[in-house]
Amino acid sequence: MARQIPFTKMHGLGNDYVYVNAIENPLDNPEGLSVIWSDRHKGIGSDGLIMICSSEIADFRMRMFNNDGSEGMMCGNGARCVARFLHDKKLTDKTEIRLETLAGIKILKLHLTDQDEVESVTVDMGQGLPELVCRENGEKTELIRETVTVNGNSYTGTAINMGNPHLVLLVDDAEKAPVAEDGSLLEVNSMFPNKVNVEFAQVIDRTHVRMRVWERGSGITQACGTGACATAVALAMAGLTDSKGCEIRMDGGALTVSWDPETRTVLMTGTATTVFEGTIEIPE
């Protein structure tokens, strides 16, 4: 006999995941299921799997798995979709939700239309802090606006932690940036023992940035919420963009990110879209 598992396919700016209400449908092997379900030819097709679970310290808990089966600390696009999932499924009537993640509790604020539909979601992403990198001598230090060389290419890079590690690289032309080639090499660079997400950011003006991303465990994706936040923080720290609000434009769409330089708090606002619903079998 096979279990029938209901799921919802959702995306935030093209960053798509399979969403499962694990409170009603617990999954024993999410790591393996994420690999199988994410396959775009033989599965549902996604960047990974997100489980909505019960929490003892917040309203709900989110678990996120990449399409290689590894568990992620946090996913900004996924968190917004979780907020819409909870609202649409009537699992809560709150418009401000406390969500437990491996990167801590995040506050989700839903913006609703007059028809009670989710128009957008703002996520309090917590603090954007410098990420400590491991130097060749074993010392762990910050990496802020330093030259990063890979594959014969040199960039100005800043490492930011948004619950998971990011390396933001300044480029003149994001469209021509070797995202797959250089991103894949930097992901596994010895400076980052837990691997790293890599953002290639082009400053258009003080309130607009074009960014492309290589996500650890997933490769090139349409968008990355934490990556957009890390990019906004790194560029605002350098004085290149406005910390009060910057639009980060990615392949799948745009997010608006603000950063408070005193508290270092990051707020991210964007859409969450339901693609379709269905059921999939798990052999017992």
C-alpha atoms as a PDB file:
ATOM      1  CA  MET A   1       0.000   0.000   0.000  1.00  0.00           C
ATOM      2  CA  ALA A   2       1.155   3.540  -0.711  1.00  0.00           C
ATOM      3  CA  ARG A   3       0.470   6.679   1.320  1.00  0.00           C
ATOM      4  CA  GLN A   4      -1.205   9.514  -0.520  1.00  0.00           C
ATOM      5  CA  ILE A   5       0.505  12.769   0.472  1.00  0.00           C
ATOM      6  CA  PRO A   6      -1.228  16.059  -0.415  1.00  0.00           C
ATOM      7  CA  PHE A   7       1.162  18.791  -1.508  1.00  0.00           C
ATOM      8  CA  THR A   8       1.129  22.348  -2.818  1.00  0.00           C
ATOM      9  CA  LYS A   9       3.623  23.602  -5.388  1.00  0.00           C
ATOM     10  CA  MET A  10       4.469  27.251  -4.624  1.00  0.00           C
ATOM     11  CA  HIS A  11       7.116  29.728  -5.649  1.00  0.00           C
ATOM     12  CA  GLY A  12       8.549  33.024  -4.514  1.00  0.00           C
ATOM     13  CA  LEU A  13       9.879  34.765  -7.615  1.00  0.00           C
ATOM     14  CA  GLY A  14      10.464  31.437  -9.336  1.00  0.00           C
ATOM     15  CA  ASN A  15      12.220  29.887  -6.316  1.00  0.00           C
ATOM     16  CA  ASP A  16       9.875  26.900  -6.178  1.00  0.00           C
ATOM     17  CA  TYR A  17       9.319  24.271  -3.506  1.00  0.00           C
ATOM     18  CA  VAL A  18       6.963  21.422  -2.718  1.00  0.00           C
ATOM     19  CA  TYR A  19       5.025  22.340   0.453  1.00  0.00           C
ATOM     20  CA  VAL A  20       3.590  19.686   2.768  1.00  0.00           C
ATOM     21  CA  ASN A  21       1.494  20.083   5.910  1.00  0.00           C
ATOM     22  CA  ALA A  22       3.656  17.803   8.059  1.00  0.00           C
ATOM     23  CA  ILE A  23       1.419  18.368  11.072  1.00  0.00           C
ATOM     24  CA  GLU A  24      -1.229  16.209   9.378  1.00  0.00           C
ATOM     25  CA  ASN A  25       1.144  14.276   7.111  1.00  0.00           C
ATOM     26  CA  PRO A  26       4.464  13.611   8.881  1.00  0.00           C
ATOM     27  CA  LEU A  27       7.329  12.527   6.627  1.00  0.00           C
ATOM     28  CA  ASP A  28       9.913  10.021   7.840  1.00  0.00           C
ATOM     29  CA  ASN A  29      12.534  10.637   5.146  1.00  0.00           C
ATOM     30  CA  PRO A  30      12.300  14.247   3.959  1.00  0.00           C
ATOM     31  CA  GLU A  31      15.931  14.209   2.794  1.00  0.00           C
ATOM     32  CA  GLY A  32      15.281  11.387   0.337  1.00  0.00           C
ATOM     33  CA  LEU A  33      11.837  12.621  -0.666  1.00  0.00           C
ATOM     34  CA  SER A  34      13.246  16.054  -1.477  1.00  0.00           C
ATOM     35  CA  VAL A  35      15.634  14.509  -3.988  1.00  0.00           C
ATOM     36  CA  ILE A  36      12.895  12.390  -5.592  1.00  0.00           C
ATOM     37  CA  TRP A  37      10.133  14.998  -5.631  1.00  0.00           C
ATOM     38  CA  SER A  38      12.424  17.791  -6.860  1.00  0.00           C
ATOM     39  CA  ASP A  39      13.323  15.931 -10.046  1.00  0.00           C
ATOM     40  CA  ARG A  40      11.800  17.921 -12.913  1.00  0.00           C
ATOM     41  CA  HIS A  41      11.458  14.891 -15.202  1.00  0.00           C
ATOM     42  CA  LYS A  42      10.388  12.078 -12.867  1.00  0.00           C
ATOM     43  CA  GLY A  43       9.074  14.016  -9.876  1.00  0.00           C
ATOM     44  CA  ILE A  44       7.032  17.131  -9.160  1.00  0.00           C
ATOM     45  CA  GLY A  45       9.885  19.469 -10.034  1.00  0.00           C
ATOM     46  CA  SER A  46      11.208  22.028  -7.558  1.00  0.00           C
ATOM     47  CA  ASP A  47      14.219  23.537  -5.830  1.00  0.00           C
ATOM     48  CA  GLY A  48      13.402  21.387  -2.812  1.00  0.00           C
ATOM     49  CA  LEU A  49      10.884  20.426  -0.137  1.00  0.00           C
ATOM     50  CA  ILE A  50       9.435  22.564   2.655  1.00  0.00           C
ATOM     51  CA  MET A  51       7.565  21.015   5.591  1.00  0.00           C
ATOM     52  CA  ILE A  52       5.172  23.001   7.791  1.00  0.00           C
ATOM     53  CA  CYS A  53       5.412  21.529  11.279  1.00  0.00           C
ATOM     54  CA  SER A  54       4.135  22.265  14.763  1.00  0.00           C
ATOM     55  CA  SER A  55       6.348  24.263  17.123  1.00  0.00           C
ATOM     56  CA  GLU A  56       6.742  24.487  20.875  1.00  0.00           C
ATOM     57  CA  ILE A  57       8.287  27.968  20.769  1.00  0.00           C
ATOM     58  CA  ALA A  58       6.490  29.681  17.870  1.00  0.00           C
ATOM     59  CA  ASP A  59       3.229  29.493  15.933  1.00  0.00           C
ATOM     60  CA  PHE A  60       4.669  27.041  13.393  1.00  0.00           C
ATOM     61  CA  ARG A  61       7.997  25.546  12.339  1.00  0.00           C
ATOM     62  CA  MET A  62       9.478  25.386   8.859  1.00  0.00           C
ATOM     63  CA  ARG A  63      11.915  22.698   7.691  1.00  0.00           C
ATOM     64  CA  MET A  64      13.527  23.260   4.291  1.00  0.00           C
ATOM     65  CA  PHE A  65      15.418  20.693   2.221  1.00  0.00           C
ATOM     66  CA  ASN A  66      17.409  21.441  -0.918  1.00  0.00           C
ATOM     67  CA  ASN A  67      17.072  19.284  -4.011  1.00  0.00           C
ATOM     68  CA  ASP A  68      20.240  17.392  -3.054  1.00  0.00           C
ATOM     69  CA  GLY A  69      18.627  16.313   0.241  1.00  0.00           C
ATOM     70  CA  SER A  70      20.607  18.673   2.488  1.00  0.00           C
ATOM     71  CA  GLU A  71      18.646  20.629   5.095  1.00  0.00           C
ATOM     72  CA  GLY A  72      18.832  24.423   4.856  1.00  0.00           C
ATOM     73  CA  MET A  73      18.913  26.793   7.799  1.00  0.00           C
ATOM     74  CA  MET A  74      16.542  29.354   6.328  1.00  0.00           C
ATOM     75  CA  CYS A  75      14.778  30.277   3.086  1.00  0.00           C
ATOM     76  CA  GLY A  76      13.316  33.768   2.703  1.00  0.00           C
ATOM     77  CA  ASN A  77      11.240  32.966  -0.390  1.00  0.00           C
ATOM     78  CA  GLY A  78      10.052  29.791   1.299  1.00  0.00           C
ATOM     79  CA  ALA A  79       9.056  31.626   4.475  1.00  0.00           C
ATOM     80  CA  ARG A  80       6.807  33.979   2.506  1.00  0.00           C
ATOM     81  CA  CYS A  81       5.140  31.012   0.818  1.00  0.00           C
ATOM     82  CA  VAL A  82       4.671  29.317   4.195  1.00  0.00           C
ATOM     83  CA  ALA A  83       2.799  32.423   5.363  1.00  0.00           C
ATOM     84  CA  ARG A  84       0.472  32.240   2.361  1.00  0.00           C
ATOM     85  CA  PHE A  85       0.047  28.462   2.776  1.00  0.00           C
ATOM     86  CA  LEU A  86      -1.024  28.917   6.401  1.00  0.00           C
ATOM     87  CA  HIS A  87      -3.478  31.664   5.450  1.00  0.00           C
ATOM     88  CA  ASP A  88      -4.959  29.915   2.402  1.00  0.00           C
ATOM     89  CA  LYS A  89      -5.329  26.591   4.233  1.00  0.00           C
ATOM     90  CA  LYS A  90      -6.925  28.424   7.169  1.00  0.00           C
ATOM     91  CA  LEU A  91      -4.406  26.967   9.583  1.00  0.00           C
ATOM     92  CA  THR A  92      -4.279  30.375  11.259  1.00  0.00           C
ATOM     93  CA  ASP A  93      -6.191  33.647  11.160  1.00  0.00           C
ATOM     94  CA  LYS A  94      -3.162  35.674  12.234  1.00  0.00           C
ATOM     95  CA  THR A  95      -1.671  38.280   9.938  1.00  0.00           C
ATOM     96  CA  GLU A  96       1.548  38.287  11.958  1.00  0.00           C
ATOM     97  CA  ILE A  97       3.047  34.809  12.354  1.00  0.00           C
ATOM     98  CA  ARG A  98       6.022  33.639  14.389  1.00  0.00           C
ATOM     99  CA  LEU A  99       7.858  30.985  12.387  1.00  0.00           C
ATOM    100  CA  GLU A 100      10.531  28.751  13.870  1.00  0.00           C
ATOM    101  CA  THR A 101      13.491  27.958  11.590  1.00  0.00           C
ATOM    102  CA  LEU A 102      16.974  26.555  12.142  1.00  0.00           C
ATOM    103  CA  ALA A 103      18.132  30.183  11.898  1.00  0.00           C
ATOM    104  CA  GLY A 104      15.828  31.290  14.719  1.00  0.00           C
ATOM    105  CA  ILE A 105      12.290  32.635  14.926  1.00  0.00           C
ATOM    106  CA  LYS A 106      11.229  34.849  12.022  1.00  0.00           C
ATOM    107  CA  ILE A 107       8.251  37.219  12.040  1.00  0.00           C
ATOM    108  CA  LEU A 108       6.014  37.068   8.959  1.00  0.00           C
ATOM    109  CA  LYS A 109       3.595  39.921   8.267  1.00  0.00           C
ATOM    110  CA  LEU A 110       0.871  39.276   5.696  1.00  0.00           C
ATOM    111  CA  HIS A 111      -0.443  42.120   3.531  1.00  0.00           C
ATOM    112  CA  LEU A 112      -3.990  41.241   2.431  1.00  0.00           C
ATOM    113  CA  THR A 113      -6.273  42.597  -0.281  1.00  0.00           C
ATOM    114  CA  ASP A 114      -9.872  43.630   0.349  1.00  0.00           C
ATOM    115  CA  GLN A 115     -10.814  40.113  -0.836  1.00  0.00           C
ATOM    116  CA  ASP A 116      -8.687  38.583   1.973  1.00  0.00           C
ATOM    117  CA  GLU A 117      -6.054  37.333  -0.463  1.00  0.00           C
ATOM    118  CA  VAL A 118      -2.327  37.503   0.265  1.00  0.00           C
ATOM    119  CA  GLU A 119      -0.855  40.335  -1.797  1.00  0.00           C
ATOM    120  CA  SER A 120       2.652  40.221  -0.318  1.00  0.00           C
ATOM    121  CA  VAL A 121       4.518  39.176   2.805  1.00  0.00           C
ATOM    122  CA  THR A 122       7.146  41.017   4.826  1.00  0.00           C
ATOM    123  CA  VAL A 123       9.650  38.847   6.668  1.00  0.00           C
ATOM    124  CA  ASP A 124      11.683  40.135   9.590  1.00  0.00           C
ATOM    125  CA  MET A 125      14.852  38.277   8.685  1.00  0.00           C
ATOM    126  CA  GLY A 126      16.662  39.174  11.894  1.00  0.00           C
ATOM    127  CA  GLN A 127      20.155  40.586  11.772  1.00  0.00           C
ATOM    128  CA  GLY A 128      22.459  40.658   8.785  1.00  0.00           C
ATOM    129  CA  LEU A 129      25.881  39.984  10.296  1.00  0.00           C
ATOM    130  CA  PRO A 130      29.343  39.487   8.816  1.00  0.00           C
ATOM    131  CA  GLU A 131      30.049  35.805   8.154  1.00  0.00           C
ATOM    132  CA  LEU A 132      33.269  34.457   9.656  1.00  0.00           C
ATOM    133  CA  VAL A 133      35.450  32.746   7.069  1.00  0.00           C
ATOM    134  CA  CYS A 134      38.276  30.316   7.733  1.00  0.00           C
ATOM    135  CA  ARG A 135      41.639  31.639   6.556  1.00  0.00           C
ATOM    136  CA  GLU A 136      44.505  29.444   5.363  1.00  0.00           C
ATOM    137  CA  ASN A 137      46.139  29.688   8.797  1.00  0.00           C
ATOM    138  CA  GLY A 138      42.952  28.452  10.466  1.00  0.00           C
ATOM    139  CA  GLU A 139      41.994  31.866  11.839  1.00  0.00           C
ATOM    140  CA  LYS A 140      38.307  32.773  11.572  1.00  0.00           C
ATOM    141  CA  THR A 141      37.727  36.385  10.602  1.00  0.00           C
ATOM    142  CA  GLU A 142      35.308  38.610   8.722  1.00  0.00           C
ATOM    143  CA  LEU A 143      35.567  39.116   4.969  1.00  0.00           C
ATOM    144  CA  ILE A 144      34.396  42.619   4.072  1.00  0.00           C
ATOM    145  CA  ARG A 145      35.114  44.249   0.712  1.00  0.00           C
ATOM    146  CA  GLU A 146      38.137  42.069   0.045  1.00  0.00           C
ATOM    147  CA  THR A 147      39.461  40.764  -3.248  1.00  0.00           C
ATOM    148  CA  VAL A 148      38.214  37.255  -3.966  1.00  0.00           C
ATOM    149  CA  THR A 149      39.902  35.423  -6.842  1.00  0.00           C
ATOM    150  CA  VAL A 150      38.516  32.279  -8.432  1.00  0.00           C
ATOM    151  CA  ASN A 151      39.003  30.654 -11.812  1.00  0.00           C
ATOM    152  CA  GLY A 152      41.238  33.560 -12.852  1.00  0.00           C
ATOM    153  CA  ASN A 153      38.531  36.158 -12.074  1.00  0.00           C
ATOM    154  CA  SER A 154      38.837  38.756  -9.294  1.00  0.00           C
ATOM    155  CA  TYR A 155      35.892  40.260  -7.418  1.00  0.00           C
ATOM    156  CA  THR A 156      35.293  42.560  -4.464  1.00  0.00           C
ATOM    157  CA  GLY A 157      33.494  40.300  -1.992  1.00  0.00           C
ATOM    158  CA  THR A 158      31.696  40.581   1.348  1.00  0.00           C
ATOM    159  CA  ALA A 159      30.585  37.590   3.413  1.00  0.00           C
ATOM    160  CA  ILE A 160      27.241  38.041   5.207  1.00  0.00           C
ATOM    161  CA  ASN A 161      25.319  35.632   7.420  1.00  0.00           C
ATOM    162  CA  MET A 162      21.533  35.739   7.037  1.00  0.00           C
ATOM    163  CA  GLY A 163      20.927  32.551   9.009  1.00  0.00           C
ATOM    164  CA  ASN A 164      22.967  30.815   6.348  1.00  0.00           C
ATOM    165  CA  PRO A 165      26.267  31.942   4.782  1.00  0.00           C
ATOM    166  CA  HIS A 166      26.458  34.201   1.730  1.00  0.00           C
ATOM    167  CA  LEU A 167      29.267  35.658  -0.321  1.00  0.00           C
ATOM    168  CA  VAL A 168      28.246  38.815  -2.207  1.00  0.00           C
ATOM    169  CA  LEU A 169      30.438  39.661  -5.195  1.00  0.00           C
ATOM    170  CA  LEU A 170      30.376  42.989  -7.039  1.00  0.00           C
ATOM    171  CA  VAL A 171      30.221  42.672 -10.827  1.00  0.00           C
ATOM    172  CA  ASP A 172      29.953  45.162 -13.676  1.00  0.00           C
ATOM    173  CA  ASP A 173      27.431  43.056 -15.604  1.00  0.00           C
ATOM    174  CA  ALA A 174      25.362  40.431 -13.798  1.00  0.00           C
ATOM    175  CA  GLU A 175      24.101  38.976 -17.083  1.00  0.00           C
ATOM    176  CA  LYS A 176      27.627  38.110 -18.207  1.00  0.00           C
ATOM    177  CA  ALA A 177      28.848  36.909 -14.796  1.00  0.00           C
ATOM    178  CA  PRO A 178      30.056  33.251 -14.771  1.00  0.00           C
ATOM    179  CA  VAL A 179      27.561  32.265 -12.084  1.00  0.00           C
ATOM    180  CA  ALA A 180      27.707  28.495 -12.623  1.00  0.00           C
ATOM    181  CA  GLU A 181      31.467  28.285 -13.121  1.00  0.00           C
ATOM    182  CA  ASP A 182      32.659  30.577 -10.329  1.00  0.00           C
ATOM    183  CA  GLY A 183      29.679  30.030  -8.024  1.00  0.00           C
ATOM    184  CA  SER A 184      30.153  26.269  -7.938  1.00  0.00           C
ATOM    185  CA  LEU A 185      33.865  26.634  -7.114  1.00  0.00           C
ATOM    186  CA  LEU A 186      33.283  29.200  -4.362  1.00  0.00           C
ATOM    187  CA  GLU A 187      30.475  27.122  -2.829  1.00  0.00           C
ATOM    188  CA  VAL A 188      33.024  24.491  -1.774  1.00  0.00           C
ATOM    189  CA  ASN A 189      35.961  26.848  -1.137  1.00  0.00           C
ATOM    190  CA  SER A 190      37.875  25.961   2.035  1.00  0.00           C
ATOM    191  CA  MET A 191      37.109  29.427   3.463  1.00  0.00           C
ATOM    192  CA  PHE A 192      33.531  28.230   3.980  1.00  0.00           C
ATOM    193  CA  PRO A 193      33.498  24.938   5.939  1.00  0.00           C
ATOM    194  CA  ASN A 194      29.689  24.702   5.648  1.00  0.00           C
ATOM    195  CA  LYS A 195      29.698  25.756   1.977  1.00  0.00           C
ATOM    196  CA  VAL A 196      28.318  29.106   0.865  1.00  0.00           C
ATOM    197  CA  ASN A 197      25.679  30.747  -1.317  1.00  0.00           C
ATOM    198  CA  VAL A 198      27.185  33.109  -3.879  1.00  0.00           C
ATOM    199  CA  GLU A 199      25.534  36.304  -5.160  1.00  0.00           C
ATOM    200  CA  PHE A 200      26.756  38.222  -8.219  1.00  0.00           C
ATOM    201  CA  ALA A 201      25.489  41.793  -7.737  1.00  0.00           C
ATOM    202  CA  GLN A 202      25.457  44.721 -10.167  1.00  0.00           C
ATOM    203  CA  VAL A 203      24.557  48.137  -8.718  1.00  0.00           C
ATOM    204  CA  ILE A 204      22.228  49.969 -11.109  1.00  0.00           C
ATOM    205  CA  ASP A 205      21.595  52.968  -8.830  1.00  0.00           C
ATOM    206  CA  ARG A 206      21.173  53.565  -5.106  1.00  0.00           C
ATOM    207  CA  THR A 207      17.762  51.875  -4.965  1.00  0.00           C
ATOM    208  CA  HIS A 208      18.087  49.173  -7.647  1.00  0.00           C
ATOM    209  CA  VAL A 209      20.394  46.164  -7.931  1.00  0.00           C
ATOM    210  CA  ARG A 210      20.547  43.323 -10.444  1.00  0.00           C
ATOM    211  CA  MET A 211      21.553  40.064  -8.783  1.00  0.00           C
ATOM    212  CA  ARG A 212      22.052  36.449  -9.851  1.00  0.00           C
ATOM    213  CA  VAL A 213      22.685  33.614  -7.431  1.00  0.00           C
ATOM    214  CA  TRP A 214      24.354  30.247  -7.042  1.00  0.00           C
ATOM    215  CA  GLU A 215      22.724  28.464  -4.087  1.00  0.00           C
ATOM    216  CA  ARG A 216      24.586  25.808  -2.162  1.00  0.00           C
ATOM    217  CA  GLY A 217      22.920  22.457  -2.664  1.00  0.00           C
ATOM    218  CA  SER A 218      20.712  23.734  -5.499  1.00  0.00           C
ATOM    219  CA  GLY A 219      22.873  25.563  -8.052  1.00  0.00           C
ATOM    220  CA  ILE A 220      21.458  28.431 -10.105  1.00  0.00           C
ATOM    221  CA  THR A 221      17.959  29.376  -8.955  1.00  0.00           C
ATOM    222  CA  GLN A 222      15.467  32.001 -10.124  1.00  0.00           C
ATOM    223  CA  ALA A 223      15.680  33.892  -6.843  1.00  0.00           C
ATOM    224  CA  CYS A 224      17.014  33.675  -3.290  1.00  0.00           C
ATOM    225  CA  GLY A 225      15.419  35.613  -0.436  1.00  0.00           C
ATOM    226  CA  THR A 226      18.298  35.377   2.010  1.00  0.00           C
ATOM    227  CA  GLY A 227      20.663  36.095  -0.874  1.00  0.00           C
ATOM    228  CA  ALA A 228      18.767  39.281  -1.734  1.00  0.00           C
ATOM    229  CA  CYS A 229      18.975  40.313   1.924  1.00  0.00           C
ATOM    230  CA  ALA A 230      22.703  39.568   2.132  1.00  0.00           C
ATOM    231  CA  THR A 231      23.238  41.582  -1.058  1.00  0.00           C
ATOM    232  CA  ALA A 232      21.299  44.565   0.294  1.00  0.00           C
ATOM    233  CA  VAL A 233      23.284  44.475   3.549  1.00  0.00           C
ATOM    234  CA  ALA A 234      26.680  44.149   1.853  1.00  0.00           C
ATOM    235  CA  LEU A 235      26.005  46.992  -0.585  1.00  0.00           C
ATOM    236  CA  ALA A 236      24.498  49.287   2.071  1.00  0.00           C
ATOM    237  CA  MET A 237      27.527  48.649   4.306  1.00  0.00           C
ATOM    238  CA  ALA A 238      29.722  49.773   1.409  1.00  0.00           C
ATOM    239  CA  GLY A 239      27.641  52.935   0.940  1.00  0.00           C
ATOM    240  CA  LEU A 240      26.627  51.887  -2.561  1.00  0.00           C
ATOM    241  CA  THR A 241      22.868  51.628  -1.965  1.00  0.00           C
ATOM    242  CA  ASP A 242      20.157  53.103   0.240  1.00  0.00           C
ATOM    243  CA  SER A 243      19.677  51.086   3.431  1.00  0.00           C
ATOM    244  CA  LYS A 244      16.079  52.343   3.811  1.00  0.00           C
ATOM    245  CA  GLY A 245      14.883  50.329   0.843  1.00  0.00           C
ATOM    246  CA  CYS A 246      16.537  48.720  -2.155  1.00  0.00           C
ATOM    247  CA  GLU A 247      14.918  46.673  -4.915  1.00  0.00           C
ATOM    248  CA  ILE A 248      16.906  43.522  -5.646  1.00  0.00           C
ATOM    249  CA  ARG A 249      16.050  42.301  -9.134  1.00  0.00           C
ATOM    250  CA  MET A 250      16.609  38.594  -9.798  1.00  0.00           C
ATOM    251  CA  ASP A 251      15.783  36.255 -12.679  1.00  0.00           C
ATOM    252  CA  GLY A 252      12.400  35.414 -11.139  1.00  0.00           C
ATOM    253  CA  GLY A 253      11.409  38.918 -10.049  1.00  0.00           C
ATOM    254  CA  ALA A 254      12.201  41.560  -7.427  1.00  0.00           C
ATOM    255  CA  LEU A 255      12.255  41.869  -3.646  1.00  0.00           C
ATOM    256  CA  THR A 256      12.370  45.058  -1.604  1.00  0.00           C
ATOM    257  CA  VAL A 257      14.879  44.917   1.257  1.00  0.00           C
ATOM    258  CA  SER A 258      15.598  47.444   4.001  1.00  0.00           C
ATOM    259  CA  TRP A 259      18.407  47.325   6.545  1.00  0.00           C
ATOM    260  CA  ASP A 260      18.767  49.276   9.783  1.00  0.00           C
ATOM    261  CA  PRO A 261      22.498  50.004  10.211  1.00  0.00           C
ATOM    262  CA  GLU A 262      22.080  50.502  13.974  1.00  0.00           C
ATOM    263  CA  THR A 263      20.126  47.371  14.881  1.00  0.00           C
ATOM    264  CA  ARG A 264      21.258  45.494  11.713  1.00  0.00           C
ATOM    265  CA  THR A 265      17.660  44.264  11.323  1.00  0.00           C
ATOM    266  CA  VAL A 266      16.675  43.238   7.788  1.00  0.00           C
ATOM    267  CA  LEU A 267      13.111  43.412   6.417  1.00  0.00           C
ATOM    268  CA  MET A 268      12.260  41.679   3.141  1.00  0.00           C
ATOM    269  CA  THR A 269       8.982  42.137   1.220  1.00  0.00           C
ATOM    270  CA  GLY A 270       7.783  40.162  -1.783  1.00  0.00           C
ATOM    271  CA  THR A 271       5.117  37.971  -3.296  1.00  0.00           C
ATOM    272  CA  ALA A 272       4.206  34.318  -2.740  1.00  0.00           C
ATOM    273  CA  THR A 273       2.480  32.352  -5.501  1.00  0.00           C
ATOM    274  CA  THR A 274       0.574  29.065  -5.537  1.00  0.00           C
ATOM    275  CA  VAL A 275       1.204  27.072  -8.720  1.00  0.00           C
ATOM    276  CA  PHE A 276      -0.911  23.935  -8.235  1.00  0.00           C
ATOM    277  CA  GLU A 277      -1.972  21.291  -5.726  1.00  0.00           C
ATOM    278  CA  GLY A 278      -1.934  17.515  -5.941  1.00  0.00           C
ATOM    279  CA  THR A 279      -1.144  14.251  -4.238  1.00  0.00           C
ATOM    280  CA  ILE A 280       1.885  12.009  -4.588  1.00  0.00           C
ATOM    281  CA  GLU A 281       2.407   8.434  -3.438  1.00  0.00           C
ATOM    282  CA  ILE A 282       4.977   7.207  -0.922  1.00  0.00           C
ATOM    283  CA  PRO A 283       5.422   3.409  -0.864  1.00  0.00           C
ATOM    284  CA  GLU A 284       4.973   2.061   2.657  1.00  0.00           C
END
